Amino acid sequence: EGQYLNISMASQNGGIYFNIMEPGEKYVAIYNGSINGNQFEGKTAKSGDYRIRVYLMKGAQNTTANYRLEMIVD
């Protein structure tokens, strides 16, 4: 709880995004890259393991995507 997160993703494929899930959460994201962009900066609200879900949007599902995901936790 209270740790600083900086998460960013870069790809040539414009249909790839990431979501951030709080500890214990399976479906509801606290950050949605397809809405907010592929750059998150903020502090964690809960203790535990956060998950990052990388996905292709519906129109890009039949494509492939190389990507770079960078995470800084302080």
N, C-alpha and C. Protein backbone atom coordinates (compact mmCIF):
# COMPACT_ATOMS: atom_id res chain seq x y z
N GLU A 1 0.83 -1.19 0.00
CA GLU A 1 0.00 0.00 0.00
C GLU A 1 0.87 1.25 0.00
N GLY A 2 0.54 2.20 -0.87
CA GLY A 2 1.26 3.45 -0.93
C GLY A 2 2.51 3.43 -1.80
N GLN A 3 2.79 2.32 -2.47
CA GLN A 3 3.96 2.28 -3.36
C GLN A 3 3.65 3.03 -4.65
N TYR A 4 4.67 3.68 -5.18
CA TYR A 4 4.57 4.41 -6.44
C TYR A 4 4.72 3.43 -7.59
N LEU A 5 3.83 3.51 -8.57
CA LEU A 5 3.89 2.69 -9.79
C LEU A 5 4.00 3.59 -11.00
N ASN A 6 4.87 3.21 -11.92
CA ASN A 6 4.95 3.84 -13.22
C ASN A 6 5.00 2.69 -14.22
N ILE A 7 3.95 2.54 -15.00
CA ILE A 7 3.84 1.43 -15.95
C ILE A 7 3.56 2.01 -17.33
N SER A 8 4.35 1.59 -18.32
CA SER A 8 4.13 2.06 -19.68
C SER A 8 4.33 0.91 -20.66
N MET A 9 3.66 1.01 -21.79
CA MET A 9 3.77 -0.02 -22.81
C MET A 9 3.91 0.65 -24.17
N ALA A 10 4.78 0.08 -25.00
CA ALA A 10 4.99 0.57 -26.36
C ALA A 10 4.87 -0.59 -27.34
N SER A 11 4.25 -0.34 -28.49
CA SER A 11 4.09 -1.36 -29.51
C SER A 11 3.84 -0.69 -30.86
N GLN A 12 4.20 -1.38 -31.93
CA GLN A 12 3.86 -0.92 -33.27
C GLN A 12 2.38 -1.17 -33.57
N ASN A 13 1.78 -2.10 -32.84
CA ASN A 13 0.37 -2.44 -33.03
C ASN A 13 -0.47 -1.49 -32.17
N GLY A 14 -1.28 -0.66 -32.81
CA GLY A 14 -2.09 0.31 -32.10
C GLY A 14 -3.29 -0.26 -31.38
N GLY A 15 -3.51 -1.57 -31.46
CA GLY A 15 -4.66 -2.18 -30.81
C GLY A 15 -4.34 -2.94 -29.54
N ILE A 16 -3.14 -2.76 -28.98
CA ILE A 16 -2.75 -3.48 -27.78
C ILE A 16 -2.75 -2.52 -26.59
N TYR A 17 -3.27 -3.00 -25.46
CA TYR A 17 -3.40 -2.18 -24.25
C TYR A 17 -3.14 -3.03 -23.02
N PHE A 18 -3.12 -2.37 -21.86
CA PHE A 18 -3.02 -3.11 -20.60
C PHE A 18 -3.99 -2.56 -19.59
N ASN A 19 -4.41 -3.43 -18.68
CA ASN A 19 -5.23 -3.06 -17.53
C ASN A 19 -4.44 -3.39 -16.27
N ILE A 20 -4.75 -2.70 -15.18
CA ILE A 20 -4.15 -2.99 -13.89
C ILE A 20 -5.25 -3.47 -12.95
N MET A 21 -4.99 -4.61 -12.31
CA MET A 21 -5.94 -5.21 -11.39
C MET A 21 -5.38 -5.18 -9.97
N GLU A 22 -6.22 -4.77 -9.00
CA GLU A 22 -5.80 -4.76 -7.61
C GLU A 22 -5.72 -6.19 -7.06
N PRO A 23 -5.04 -6.38 -5.93
CA PRO A 23 -4.94 -7.71 -5.33
C PRO A 23 -6.32 -8.34 -5.10
N GLY A 24 -6.44 -9.60 -5.52
CA GLY A 24 -7.68 -10.35 -5.33
C GLY A 24 -8.76 -10.09 -6.37
N GLU A 25 -8.57 -9.12 -7.24
CA GLU A 25 -9.57 -8.78 -8.26
C GLU A 25 -9.34 -9.61 -9.52
N LYS A 26 -10.44 -10.14 -10.08
CA LYS A 26 -10.33 -10.95 -11.28
C LYS A 26 -10.84 -10.25 -12.53
N TYR A 27 -11.78 -9.32 -12.37
CA TYR A 27 -12.45 -8.76 -13.54
C TYR A 27 -12.40 -7.23 -13.66
N VAL A 28 -12.50 -6.53 -12.54
CA VAL A 28 -12.59 -5.07 -12.57
C VAL A 28 -11.20 -4.46 -12.48
N ALA A 29 -10.87 -3.63 -13.47
CA ALA A 29 -9.57 -2.99 -13.52
C ALA A 29 -9.63 -1.62 -12.85
N ILE A 30 -8.55 -1.26 -12.15
CA ILE A 30 -8.47 0.09 -11.60
C ILE A 30 -7.88 1.05 -12.63
N TYR A 31 -7.30 0.50 -13.69
CA TYR A 31 -6.77 1.30 -14.79
C TYR A 31 -7.03 0.56 -16.09
N ASN A 32 -7.59 1.26 -17.07
CA ASN A 32 -7.93 0.67 -18.35
C ASN A 32 -7.18 1.42 -19.45
N GLY A 33 -6.19 0.76 -20.04
CA GLY A 33 -5.36 1.39 -21.05
C GLY A 33 -6.10 1.80 -22.31
N SER A 34 -7.14 1.07 -22.70
CA SER A 34 -7.86 1.43 -23.92
C SER A 34 -8.64 2.73 -23.74
N ILE A 35 -8.89 3.13 -22.52
CA ILE A 35 -9.56 4.40 -22.22
C ILE A 35 -8.55 5.49 -21.88
N ASN A 36 -7.56 5.14 -21.05
CA ASN A 36 -6.63 6.12 -20.49
C ASN A 36 -5.26 6.18 -21.17
N GLY A 37 -4.98 5.28 -22.09
CA GLY A 37 -3.68 5.26 -22.76
C GLY A 37 -2.72 4.30 -22.09
N ASN A 38 -1.61 4.04 -22.73
CA ASN A 38 -0.65 3.03 -22.26
C ASN A 38 0.44 3.62 -21.37
N GLN A 39 0.04 4.49 -20.45
CA GLN A 39 0.96 5.06 -19.47
C GLN A 39 0.19 5.29 -18.17
N PHE A 40 0.63 4.64 -17.10
CA PHE A 40 0.01 4.82 -15.78
C PHE A 40 1.05 5.31 -14.80
N GLU A 41 0.65 6.24 -13.97
CA GLU A 41 1.51 6.73 -12.90
C GLU A 41 0.63 7.01 -11.69
N GLY A 42 0.97 6.41 -10.55
CA GLY A 42 0.17 6.63 -9.35
C GLY A 42 0.65 5.77 -8.20
N LYS A 43 -0.11 5.78 -7.11
CA LYS A 43 0.24 5.01 -5.91
C LYS A 43 -0.77 3.89 -5.70
N THR A 44 -0.29 2.79 -5.14
CA THR A 44 -1.16 1.66 -4.86
C THR A 44 -2.05 1.96 -3.66
N ALA A 45 -3.29 1.53 -3.74
CA ALA A 45 -4.24 1.76 -2.65
C ALA A 45 -4.30 0.59 -1.68
N LYS A 46 -3.88 -0.60 -2.13
CA LYS A 46 -3.97 -1.81 -1.31
C LYS A 46 -2.62 -2.52 -1.28
N SER A 47 -2.42 -3.29 -0.22
CA SER A 47 -1.24 -4.16 -0.13
C SER A 47 -1.51 -5.44 -0.89
N GLY A 48 -0.48 -6.04 -1.45
CA GLY A 48 -0.61 -7.31 -2.16
C GLY A 48 -0.07 -7.23 -3.57
N ASP A 49 -0.31 -8.29 -4.32
CA ASP A 49 0.19 -8.41 -5.69
C ASP A 49 -0.81 -7.83 -6.68
N TYR A 50 -0.37 -6.84 -7.43
CA TYR A 50 -1.16 -6.26 -8.51
C TYR A 50 -0.87 -7.05 -9.78
N ARG A 51 -1.88 -7.17 -10.65
CA ARG A 51 -1.71 -7.88 -11.92
C ARG A 51 -1.88 -6.91 -13.07
N ILE A 52 -1.12 -7.16 -14.13
CA ILE A 52 -1.24 -6.38 -15.35
C ILE A 52 -1.73 -7.33 -16.44
N ARG A 53 -2.84 -6.98 -17.05
CA ARG A 53 -3.42 -7.80 -18.12
C ARG A 53 -3.18 -7.09 -19.45
N VAL A 54 -2.44 -7.74 -20.34
CA VAL A 54 -2.16 -7.20 -21.67
C VAL A 54 -3.13 -7.85 -22.64
N TYR A 55 -3.74 -7.04 -23.52
CA TYR A 55 -4.75 -7.59 -24.42
C TYR A 55 -4.80 -6.81 -25.73
N LEU A 56 -5.35 -7.47 -26.73
CA LEU A 56 -5.62 -6.84 -28.04
C LEU A 56 -7.10 -6.49 -28.11
N MET A 57 -7.39 -5.31 -28.61
CA MET A 57 -8.78 -4.89 -28.79
C MET A 57 -9.44 -5.78 -29.85
N LYS A 58 -10.76 -5.77 -29.86
CA LYS A 58 -11.53 -6.65 -30.74
C LYS A 58 -11.10 -6.56 -32.21
N GLY A 59 -10.87 -5.39 -32.73
CA GLY A 59 -10.48 -5.23 -34.13
C GLY A 59 -9.08 -5.73 -34.44
N ALA A 60 -8.26 -5.95 -33.41
CA ALA A 60 -6.87 -6.38 -33.60
C ALA A 60 -6.65 -7.83 -33.15
N GLN A 61 -7.70 -8.55 -32.83
CA GLN A 61 -7.56 -9.90 -32.27
C GLN A 61 -6.90 -10.90 -33.19
N ASN A 62 -7.00 -10.73 -34.47
CA ASN A 62 -6.40 -11.67 -35.41
C ASN A 62 -5.02 -11.23 -35.87
N THR A 63 -4.40 -10.34 -35.09
CA THR A 63 -3.06 -9.87 -35.40
C THR A 63 -2.10 -10.32 -34.29
N THR A 64 -0.83 -10.07 -34.52
CA THR A 64 0.16 -10.30 -33.47
C THR A 64 0.74 -8.95 -33.06
N ALA A 65 1.33 -8.93 -31.88
CA ALA A 65 1.88 -7.67 -31.40
C ALA A 65 3.11 -7.92 -30.54
N ASN A 66 4.21 -7.38 -30.98
CA ASN A 66 5.38 -7.31 -30.12
C ASN A 66 5.21 -6.06 -29.28
N TYR A 67 5.61 -6.12 -28.02
CA TYR A 67 5.46 -4.95 -27.17
C TYR A 67 6.56 -4.93 -26.11
N ARG A 68 6.74 -3.74 -25.57
CA ARG A 68 7.68 -3.56 -24.46
C ARG A 68 6.87 -3.00 -23.29
N LEU A 69 6.89 -3.70 -22.18
CA LEU A 69 6.18 -3.29 -20.97
C LEU A 69 7.22 -2.94 -19.93
N GLU A 70 7.18 -1.71 -19.47
CA GLU A 70 8.15 -1.25 -18.47
C GLU A 70 7.41 -0.90 -17.18
N MET A 71 7.94 -1.42 -16.06
CA MET A 71 7.32 -1.17 -14.76
C MET A 71 8.37 -0.65 -13.79
N ILE A 72 8.04 0.42 -13.12
CA ILE A 72 8.90 0.96 -12.08
C ILE A 72 8.07 0.98 -10.80
N VAL A 73 8.57 0.33 -9.78
CA VAL A 73 7.90 0.28 -8.48
C VAL A 73 8.85 0.84 -7.44
N ASP A 74 8.38 1.82 -6.70
CA ASP A 74 9.25 2.45 -5.71
C ASP A 74 8.52 2.55 -4.38
